């Protein structure tokens, strides 16, 4: 398996015989990415218990992410991570 660049604070599956690994600018950031990855995996697993989840269109994901980052409960301030 070849390596590809990944954004900091992300999780990726290493290969078929291992689970995921996370990277971050600091150890704290890498652990945070691991927790987020585990939470996402749990959410997908639970969603699949009711059948195959319906994918959200990429544009809607982008809009929702933008709203979360800039409007929802943030008061315009950046969240420290």
PDB file of N, CA and C in Angstrom:
ATOM      1  N   UNK A   1       0.847  -1.174   0.000  1.00  0.00           N
ATOM      2  CA  UNK A   1       0.000   0.000   0.000  1.00  0.00           C
ATOM      3  C   UNK A   1       0.889   1.232   0.000  1.00  0.00           C
ATOM      4  N   UNK A   2       0.611   2.183  -0.867  1.00  0.00           N
ATOM      5  CA  UNK A   2       1.386   3.415  -0.917  1.00  0.00           C
ATOM      6  C   UNK A   2       0.894   4.425   0.095  1.00  0.00           C
ATOM      7  N   UNK A   3       1.734   5.388   0.403  1.00  0.00           N
ATOM      8  CA  UNK A   3       1.373   6.452   1.326  1.00  0.00           C
ATOM      9  C   UNK A   3       0.860   7.640   0.562  1.00  0.00           C
ATOM     10  N   UNK A   4      -0.117   8.292   1.099  1.00  0.00           N
ATOM     11  CA  UNK A   4      -0.617   9.516   0.492  1.00  0.00           C
ATOM     12  C   UNK A   4      -0.659  10.590   1.572  1.00  0.00           C
ATOM     13  N   UNK A   5      -0.471  11.841   1.186  1.00  0.00           N
ATOM     14  CA  UNK A   5      -0.519  12.899   2.194  1.00  0.00           C
ATOM     15  C   UNK A   5      -1.906  12.996   2.812  1.00  0.00           C
ATOM     16  N   UNK A   6      -1.936  13.229   4.100  1.00  0.00           N
ATOM     17  CA  UNK A   6      -3.211  13.384   4.805  1.00  0.00           C
ATOM     18  C   UNK A   6      -3.155  14.650   5.643  1.00  0.00           C
ATOM     19  N   UNK A   7      -4.283  15.300   5.809  1.00  0.00           N
ATOM     20  CA  UNK A   7      -4.307  16.492   6.660  1.00  0.00           C
ATOM     21  C   UNK A   7      -3.976  16.132   8.099  1.00  0.00           C
ATOM     22  N   UNK A   8      -3.422  17.063   8.834  1.00  0.00           N
ATOM     23  CA  UNK A   8      -3.130  16.822  10.245  1.00  0.00           C
ATOM     24  C   UNK A   8      -4.424  16.605  11.003  1.00  0.00           C
ATOM     25  N   UNK A   9      -4.323  15.766  12.052  1.00  0.00           N
ATOM     26  CA  UNK A   9      -5.489  15.495  12.877  1.00  0.00           C
ATOM     27  C   UNK A   9      -6.524  14.651  12.165  1.00  0.00           C
ATOM     28  N   UNK A  10      -6.070  13.698  11.359  1.00  0.00           N
ATOM     29  CA  UNK A  10      -7.000  12.841  10.636  1.00  0.00           C
ATOM     30  C   UNK A  10      -6.740  11.388  10.994  1.00  0.00           C
ATOM     31  N   UNK A  11      -7.675  10.538  10.640  1.00  0.00           N
ATOM     32  CA  UNK A  11      -7.470   9.103  10.848  1.00  0.00           C
ATOM     33  C   UNK A  11      -7.566   8.396   9.503  1.00  0.00           C
ATOM     34  N   UNK A  12      -6.776   7.372   9.352  1.00  0.00           N
ATOM     35  CA  UNK A  12      -6.757   6.564   8.140  1.00  0.00           C
ATOM     36  C   UNK A  12      -6.603   5.101   8.511  1.00  0.00           C
ATOM     37  N   UNK A  13      -7.140   4.237   7.681  1.00  0.00           N
ATOM     38  CA  UNK A  13      -6.912   2.809   7.859  1.00  0.00           C
ATOM     39  C   UNK A  13      -5.530   2.502   7.318  1.00  0.00           C
ATOM     40  N   UNK A  14      -4.707   1.835   8.105  1.00  0.00           N
ATOM     41  CA  UNK A  14      -3.324   1.570   7.717  1.00  0.00           C
ATOM     42  C   UNK A  14      -3.255   0.573   6.567  1.00  0.00           C
ATOM     43  N   UNK A  15      -3.870  -0.560   6.705  1.00  0.00           N
ATOM     44  CA  UNK A  15      -3.951  -1.568   5.650  1.00  0.00           C
ATOM     45  C   UNK A  15      -4.994  -2.590   6.081  1.00  0.00           C
ATOM     46  N   UNK A  16      -5.082  -3.690   5.377  1.00  0.00           N
ATOM     47  CA  UNK A  16      -6.155  -4.642   5.662  1.00  0.00           C
ATOM     48  C   UNK A  16      -5.930  -5.447   6.933  1.00  0.00           C
ATOM     49  N   UNK A  17      -4.715  -5.475   7.481  1.00  0.00           N
ATOM     50  CA  UNK A  17      -4.470  -6.279   8.674  1.00  0.00           C
ATOM     51  C   UNK A  17      -4.394  -5.448   9.952  1.00  0.00           C
ATOM     52  N   UNK A  18      -4.607  -4.146   9.852  1.00  0.00           N
ATOM     53  CA  UNK A  18      -4.548  -3.276  11.023  1.00  0.00           C
ATOM     54  C   UNK A  18      -5.764  -2.367  11.037  1.00  0.00           C
ATOM     55  N   UNK A  19      -5.958  -1.724  12.157  1.00  0.00           N
ATOM     56  CA  UNK A  19      -7.027  -0.753  12.272  1.00  0.00           C
ATOM     57  C   UNK A  19      -6.575   0.589  11.731  1.00  0.00           C
ATOM     58  N   UNK A  20      -7.053   1.640  12.355  1.00  0.00           N
ATOM     59  CA  UNK A  20      -6.705   2.984  11.906  1.00  0.00           C
ATOM     60  C   UNK A  20      -5.517   3.509  12.693  1.00  0.00           C
ATOM     61  N   UNK A  21      -4.882   4.528  12.136  1.00  0.00           N
ATOM     62  CA  UNK A  21      -3.875   5.268  12.877  1.00  0.00           C
ATOM     63  C   UNK A  21      -4.198   6.734  12.704  1.00  0.00           C
ATOM     64  N   UNK A  22      -3.764   7.534  13.643  1.00  0.00           N
ATOM     65  CA  UNK A  22      -4.042   8.962  13.577  1.00  0.00           C
ATOM     66  C   UNK A  22      -2.737   9.739  13.630  1.00  0.00           C
ATOM     67  N   UNK A  23      -2.789  10.928  13.064  1.00  0.00           N
ATOM     68  CA  UNK A  23      -1.640  11.818  13.117  1.00  0.00           C
ATOM     69  C   UNK A  23      -2.129  13.184  13.582  1.00  0.00           C
ATOM     70  N   UNK A  24      -1.221  13.927  14.139  1.00  0.00           N
ATOM     71  CA  UNK A  24      -1.558  15.272  14.582  1.00  0.00           C
ATOM     72  C   UNK A  24      -0.293  16.071  14.794  1.00  0.00           C
ATOM     73  N   UNK A  25      -0.447  17.371  14.874  1.00  0.00           N
ATOM     74  CA  UNK A  25       0.706  18.246  15.093  1.00  0.00           C
ATOM     75  C   UNK A  25       1.334  17.975  16.457  1.00  0.00           C
ATOM     76  N   UNK A  26       0.522  17.510  17.416  1.00  0.00           N
ATOM     77  CA  UNK A  26       0.988  17.166  18.756  1.00  0.00           C
ATOM     78  C   UNK A  26       0.378  15.823  19.132  1.00  0.00           C
ATOM     79  N   UNK A  27       0.878  15.250  20.216  1.00  0.00           N
ATOM     80  CA  UNK A  27       0.297  13.997  20.709  1.00  0.00           C
ATOM     81  C   UNK A  27      -1.173  14.204  21.078  1.00  0.00           C
ATOM     82  N   UNK A  28      -1.471  15.350  21.682  1.00  0.00           N
ATOM     83  CA  UNK A  28      -2.856  15.668  22.063  1.00  0.00           C
ATOM     84  C   UNK A  28      -3.761  15.699  20.830  1.00  0.00           C
ATOM     85  N   UNK A  29      -3.283  16.325  19.749  1.00  0.00           N
ATOM     86  CA  UNK A  29      -4.072  16.404  18.510  1.00  0.00           C
ATOM     87  C   UNK A  29      -4.283  15.019  17.908  1.00  0.00           C
ATOM     88  N   UNK A  30      -3.271  14.165  17.984  1.00  0.00           N
ATOM     89  CA  UNK A  30      -3.399  12.806  17.451  1.00  0.00           C
ATOM     90  C   UNK A  30      -4.408  12.000  18.264  1.00  0.00           C
ATOM     91  N   UNK A  31      -4.394  12.155  19.585  1.00  0.00           N
ATOM     92  CA  UNK A  31      -5.369  11.453  20.430  1.00  0.00           C
ATOM     93  C   UNK A  31      -6.774  11.975  20.153  1.00  0.00           C
ATOM     94  N   UNK A  32      -6.905  13.296  19.996  1.00  0.00           N
ATOM     95  CA  UNK A  32      -8.216  13.871  19.673  1.00  0.00           C
ATOM     96  C   UNK A  32      -8.732  13.284  18.358  1.00  0.00           C
ATOM     97  N   UNK A  33      -7.855  13.169  17.354  1.00  0.00           N
ATOM     98  CA  UNK A  33      -8.254  12.587  16.073  1.00  0.00           C
ATOM     99  C   UNK A  33      -8.677  11.130  16.249  1.00  0.00           C
ATOM    100  N   UNK A  34      -7.986  10.398  17.121  1.00  0.00           N
ATOM    101  CA  UNK A  34      -8.342   8.993  17.369  1.00  0.00           C
ATOM    102  C   UNK A  34      -9.728   8.890  17.997  1.00  0.00           C
ATOM    103  N   UNK A  35     -10.013   9.763  18.958  1.00  0.00           N
ATOM    104  CA  UNK A  35     -11.329   9.750  19.612  1.00  0.00           C
ATOM    105  C   UNK A  35     -12.425  10.098  18.601  1.00  0.00           C
ATOM    106  N   UNK A  36     -12.181  11.120  17.777  1.00  0.00           N
ATOM    107  CA  UNK A  36     -13.167  11.493  16.759  1.00  0.00           C
ATOM    108  C   UNK A  36     -13.389  10.355  15.767  1.00  0.00           C
ATOM    109  N   UNK A  37     -12.311   9.673  15.393  1.00  0.00           N
ATOM    110  CA  UNK A  37     -12.411   8.548  14.457  1.00  0.00           C
ATOM    111  C   UNK A  37     -13.235   7.412  15.069  1.00  0.00           C
ATOM    112  N   UNK A  38     -12.960   7.094  16.337  1.00  0.00           N
ATOM    113  CA  UNK A  38     -13.722   6.049  17.022  1.00  0.00           C
ATOM    114  C   UNK A  38     -15.200   6.422  17.127  1.00  0.00           C
ATOM    115  N   UNK A  39     -15.476   7.676  17.431  1.00  0.00           N
ATOM    116  CA  UNK A  39     -16.873   8.122  17.512  1.00  0.00           C
ATOM    117  C   UNK A  39     -17.569   8.011  16.166  1.00  0.00           C
ATOM    118  N   UNK A  40     -16.879   8.382  15.102  1.00  0.00           N
ATOM    119  CA  UNK A  40     -17.460   8.281  13.759  1.00  0.00           C
ATOM    120  C   UNK A  40     -17.721   6.815  13.399  1.00  0.00           C
ATOM    121  N   UNK A  41     -16.772   5.938  13.726  1.00  0.00           N
ATOM    122  CA  UNK A  41     -16.942   4.506  13.432  1.00  0.00           C
ATOM    123  C   UNK A  41     -18.141   3.943  14.196  1.00  0.00           C
ATOM    124  N   UNK A  42     -18.295   4.348  15.452  1.00  0.00           N
ATOM    125  CA  UNK A  42     -19.433   3.887  16.257  1.00  0.00           C
ATOM    126  C   UNK A  42     -20.746   4.378  15.650  1.00  0.00           C
ATOM    127  N   UNK A  43     -20.777   5.632  15.223  1.00  0.00           N
ATOM    128  CA  UNK A  43     -21.988   6.185  14.618  1.00  0.00           C
ATOM    129  C   UNK A  43     -22.375   5.418  13.362  1.00  0.00           C
ATOM    130  N   UNK A  44     -21.383   5.129  12.502  1.00  0.00           N
ATOM    131  CA  UNK A  44     -21.655   4.382  11.271  1.00  0.00           C
ATOM    132  C   UNK A  44     -22.135   2.976  11.603  1.00  0.00           C
ATOM    133  N   UNK A  45     -21.481   2.337  12.558  1.00  0.00           N
ATOM    134  CA  UNK A  45     -21.890   0.981  12.952  1.00  0.00           C
ATOM    135  C   UNK A  45     -23.346   0.968  13.426  1.00  0.00           C
ATOM    136  N   UNK A  46     -23.685   1.928  14.297  1.00  0.00           N
ATOM    137  CA  UNK A  46     -25.060   1.981  14.799  1.00  0.00           C
ATOM    138  C   UNK A  46     -26.055   2.314  13.692  1.00  0.00           C
ATOM    139  N   UNK A  47     -25.677   3.199  12.794  1.00  0.00           N
ATOM    140  CA  UNK A  47     -26.569   3.552  11.685  1.00  0.00           C
ATOM    141  C   UNK A  47     -26.835   2.344  10.801  1.00  0.00           C
ATOM    142  N   UNK A  48     -25.816   1.522  10.589  1.00  0.00           N
ATOM    143  CA  UNK A  48     -25.975   0.340   9.724  1.00  0.00           C
ATOM    144  C   UNK A  48     -26.853  -0.738  10.341  1.00  0.00           C
ATOM    145  N   UNK A  49     -27.117  -0.646  11.631  1.00  0.00           N
ATOM    146  CA  UNK A  49     -28.005  -1.623  12.263  1.00  0.00           C
ATOM    147  C   UNK A  49     -29.420  -1.496  11.723  1.00  0.00           C
ATOM    148  N   UNK A  50     -29.756  -0.316  11.194  1.00  0.00           N
ATOM    149  CA  UNK A  50     -31.086  -0.101  10.630  1.00  0.00           C
ATOM    150  C   UNK A  50     -31.105  -0.191   9.117  1.00  0.00           C
ATOM    151  N   UNK A  51     -30.039  -0.674   8.510  1.00  0.00           N
ATOM    152  CA  UNK A  51     -29.927  -0.755   7.060  1.00  0.00           C
ATOM    153  C   UNK A  51     -28.805   0.152   6.581  1.00  0.00           C
ATOM    154  N   UNK A  52     -28.598   0.173   5.297  1.00  0.00           N
ATOM    155  CA  UNK A  52     -27.521   0.999   4.738  1.00  0.00           C
ATOM    156  C   UNK A  52     -27.892   2.479   4.868  1.00  0.00           C
ATOM    157  N   UNK A  53     -27.008   3.274   5.509  1.00  0.00           N
ATOM    158  CA  UNK A  53     -27.314   4.708   5.670  1.00  0.00           C
ATOM    159  C   UNK A  53     -27.392   5.429   4.324  1.00  0.00           C
ATOM    160  N   UNK A  54     -28.215   6.461   4.271  1.00  0.00           N
ATOM    161  CA  UNK A  54     -28.327   7.299   3.079  1.00  0.00           C
ATOM    162  C   UNK A  54     -27.225   8.350   3.155  1.00  0.00           C
ATOM    163  N   UNK A  55     -26.444   8.469   2.097  1.00  0.00           N
ATOM    164  CA  UNK A  55     -25.357   9.445   2.077  1.00  0.00           C
ATOM    165  C   UNK A  55     -25.899  10.859   1.964  1.00  0.00           C
ATOM    166  N   UNK A  56     -25.247  11.766   2.674  1.00  0.00           N
ATOM    167  CA  UNK A  56     -25.591  13.182   2.589  1.00  0.00           C
ATOM    168  C   UNK A  56     -24.752  13.773   1.462  1.00  0.00           C
ATOM    169  N   UNK A  57     -25.358  14.513   0.531  1.00  0.00           N
ATOM    170  CA  UNK A  57     -24.592  15.108  -0.569  1.00  0.00           C
ATOM    171  C   UNK A  57     -23.446  15.986  -0.043  1.00  0.00           C
ATOM    172  N   UNK A  58     -22.319  15.968  -0.750  1.00  0.00           N
ATOM    173  CA  UNK A  58     -21.120  16.698  -0.330  1.00  0.00           C
ATOM    174  C   UNK A  58     -21.387  18.184  -0.114  1.00  0.00           C
ATOM    175  N   UNK A  59     -22.185  18.788  -0.965  1.00  0.00           N
ATOM    176  CA  UNK A  59     -22.478  20.218  -0.822  1.00  0.00           C
ATOM    177  C   UNK A  59     -23.231  20.493   0.474  1.00  0.00           C
ATOM    178  N   UNK A  60     -24.149  19.621   0.836  1.00  0.00           N
ATOM    179  CA  UNK A  60     -24.881  19.793   2.088  1.00  0.00           C
ATOM    180  C   UNK A  60     -23.942  19.611   3.285  1.00  0.00           C
ATOM    181  N   UNK A  61     -23.029  18.659   3.207  1.00  0.00           N
ATOM    182  CA  UNK A  61     -22.040  18.470   4.271  1.00  0.00           C
ATOM    183  C   UNK A  61     -21.200  19.734   4.419  1.00  0.00           C
ATOM    184  N   UNK A  62     -20.750  20.299   3.293  1.00  0.00           N
ATOM    185  CA  UNK A  62     -19.952  21.519   3.329  1.00  0.00           C
ATOM    186  C   UNK A  62     -20.725  22.653   3.997  1.00  0.00           C
ATOM    187  N   UNK A  63     -21.995  22.826   3.615  1.00  0.00           N
ATOM    188  CA  UNK A  63     -22.811  23.899   4.197  1.00  0.00           C
ATOM    189  C   UNK A  63     -23.027  23.689   5.691  1.00  0.00           C
ATOM    190  N   UNK A  64     -23.304  22.457   6.091  1.00  0.00           N
ATOM    191  CA  UNK A  64     -23.514  22.167   7.507  1.00  0.00           C
ATOM    192  C   UNK A  64     -22.235  22.383   8.311  1.00  0.00           C
ATOM    193  N   UNK A  65     -21.104  21.963   7.753  1.00  0.00           N
ATOM    194  CA  UNK A  65     -19.821  22.174   8.428  1.00  0.00           C
ATOM    195  C   UNK A  65     -19.539  23.658   8.573  1.00  0.00           C
ATOM    196  N   UNK A  66     -19.794  24.428   7.522  1.00  0.00           N
ATOM    197  CA  UNK A  66     -19.582  25.872   7.579  1.00  0.00           C
ATOM    198  C   UNK A  66     -20.478  26.498   8.651  1.00  0.00           C
ATOM    199  N   UNK A  67     -21.718  26.058   8.711  1.00  0.00           N
ATOM    200  CA  UNK A  67     -22.637  26.588   9.730  1.00  0.00           C
ATOM    201  C   UNK A  67     -22.147  26.242  11.128  1.00  0.00           C
ATOM    202  N   UNK A  68     -21.708  25.008  11.316  1.00  0.00           N
ATOM    203  CA  UNK A  68     -21.199  24.596  12.626  1.00  0.00           C
ATOM    204  C   UNK A  68     -19.982  25.431  13.026  1.00  0.00           C
ATOM    205  N   UNK A  69     -19.076  25.638  12.102  1.00  0.00           N
ATOM    206  CA  UNK A  69     -17.854  26.374  12.401  1.00  0.00           C
ATOM    207  C   UNK A  69     -18.084  27.866  12.616  1.00  0.00           C
ATOM    208  N   UNK A  70     -19.053  28.439  11.938  1.00  0.00           N
ATOM    209  CA  UNK A  70     -19.186  29.884  11.935  1.00  0.00           C
ATOM    210  C   UNK A  70     -20.456  30.442  12.576  1.00  0.00           C
ATOM    211  N   UNK A  71     -21.436  29.591  12.873  1.00  0.00           N
ATOM    212  CA  UNK A  71     -22.705  30.095  13.392  1.00  0.00           C
ATOM    213  C   UNK A  71     -23.127  29.369  14.667  1.00  0.00           C
ATOM    214  N   UNK A  72     -23.291  28.080  14.572  1.00  0.00           N
ATOM    215  CA  UNK A  72     -23.906  27.284  15.633  1.00  0.00           C
ATOM    216  C   UNK A  72     -23.080  27.287  16.922  1.00  0.00           C
ATOM    217  N   UNK A  73     -23.532  28.023  17.918  1.00  0.00           N
ATOM    218  CA  UNK A  73     -22.933  27.996  19.242  1.00  0.00           C
ATOM    219  C   UNK A  73     -21.505  28.493  19.341  1.00  0.00           C
ATOM    220  N   UNK A  74     -20.968  28.992  18.258  1.00  0.00           N
ATOM    221  CA  UNK A  74     -19.561  29.386  18.256  1.00  0.00           C
ATOM    222  C   UNK A  74     -19.362  30.872  18.533  1.00  0.00           C
ATOM    223  N   UNK A  75     -20.370  31.656  18.304  1.00  0.00           N
ATOM    224  CA  UNK A  75     -20.236  33.084  18.517  1.00  0.00           C
ATOM    225  C   UNK A  75     -19.147  33.705  17.662  1.00  0.00           C
ATOM    226  N   UNK A  76     -18.825  33.055  16.555  1.00  0.00           N
ATOM    227  CA  UNK A  76     -17.798  33.577  15.661  1.00  0.00           C
ATOM    228  C   UNK A  76     -16.384  33.284  16.123  1.00  0.00           C
ATOM    229  N   UNK A  77     -16.201  32.756  17.325  1.00  0.00           N
ATOM    230  CA  UNK A  77     -14.858  32.471  17.838  1.00  0.00           C
ATOM    231  C   UNK A  77     -14.406  31.096  17.347  1.00  0.00           C
ATOM    232  N   UNK A  78     -13.128  30.971  17.129  1.00  0.00           N
ATOM    233  CA  UNK A  78     -12.564  29.679  16.738  1.00  0.00           C
ATOM    234  C   UNK A  78     -12.422  28.803  17.970  1.00  0.00           C
ATOM    235  N   UNK A  79     -12.741  27.529  17.829  1.00  0.00           N
ATOM    236  CA  UNK A  79     -12.630  26.589  18.927  1.00  0.00           C
ATOM    237  C   UNK A  79     -11.195  26.090  18.987  1.00  0.00           C
ATOM    238  N   UNK A  80     -10.619  26.132  20.180  1.00  0.00           N
ATOM    239  CA  UNK A  80      -9.249  25.631  20.335  1.00  0.00           C
ATOM    240  C   UNK A  80      -9.269  24.116  20.384  1.00  0.00           C
ATOM    241  N   UNK A  81      -8.292  23.484  19.737  1.00  0.00           N
ATOM    242  CA  UNK A  81      -8.259  22.038  19.729  1.00  0.00           C
ATOM    243  C   UNK A  81      -6.962  21.591  20.092  1.00  0.00           C
TER     244      UNK A  81
END
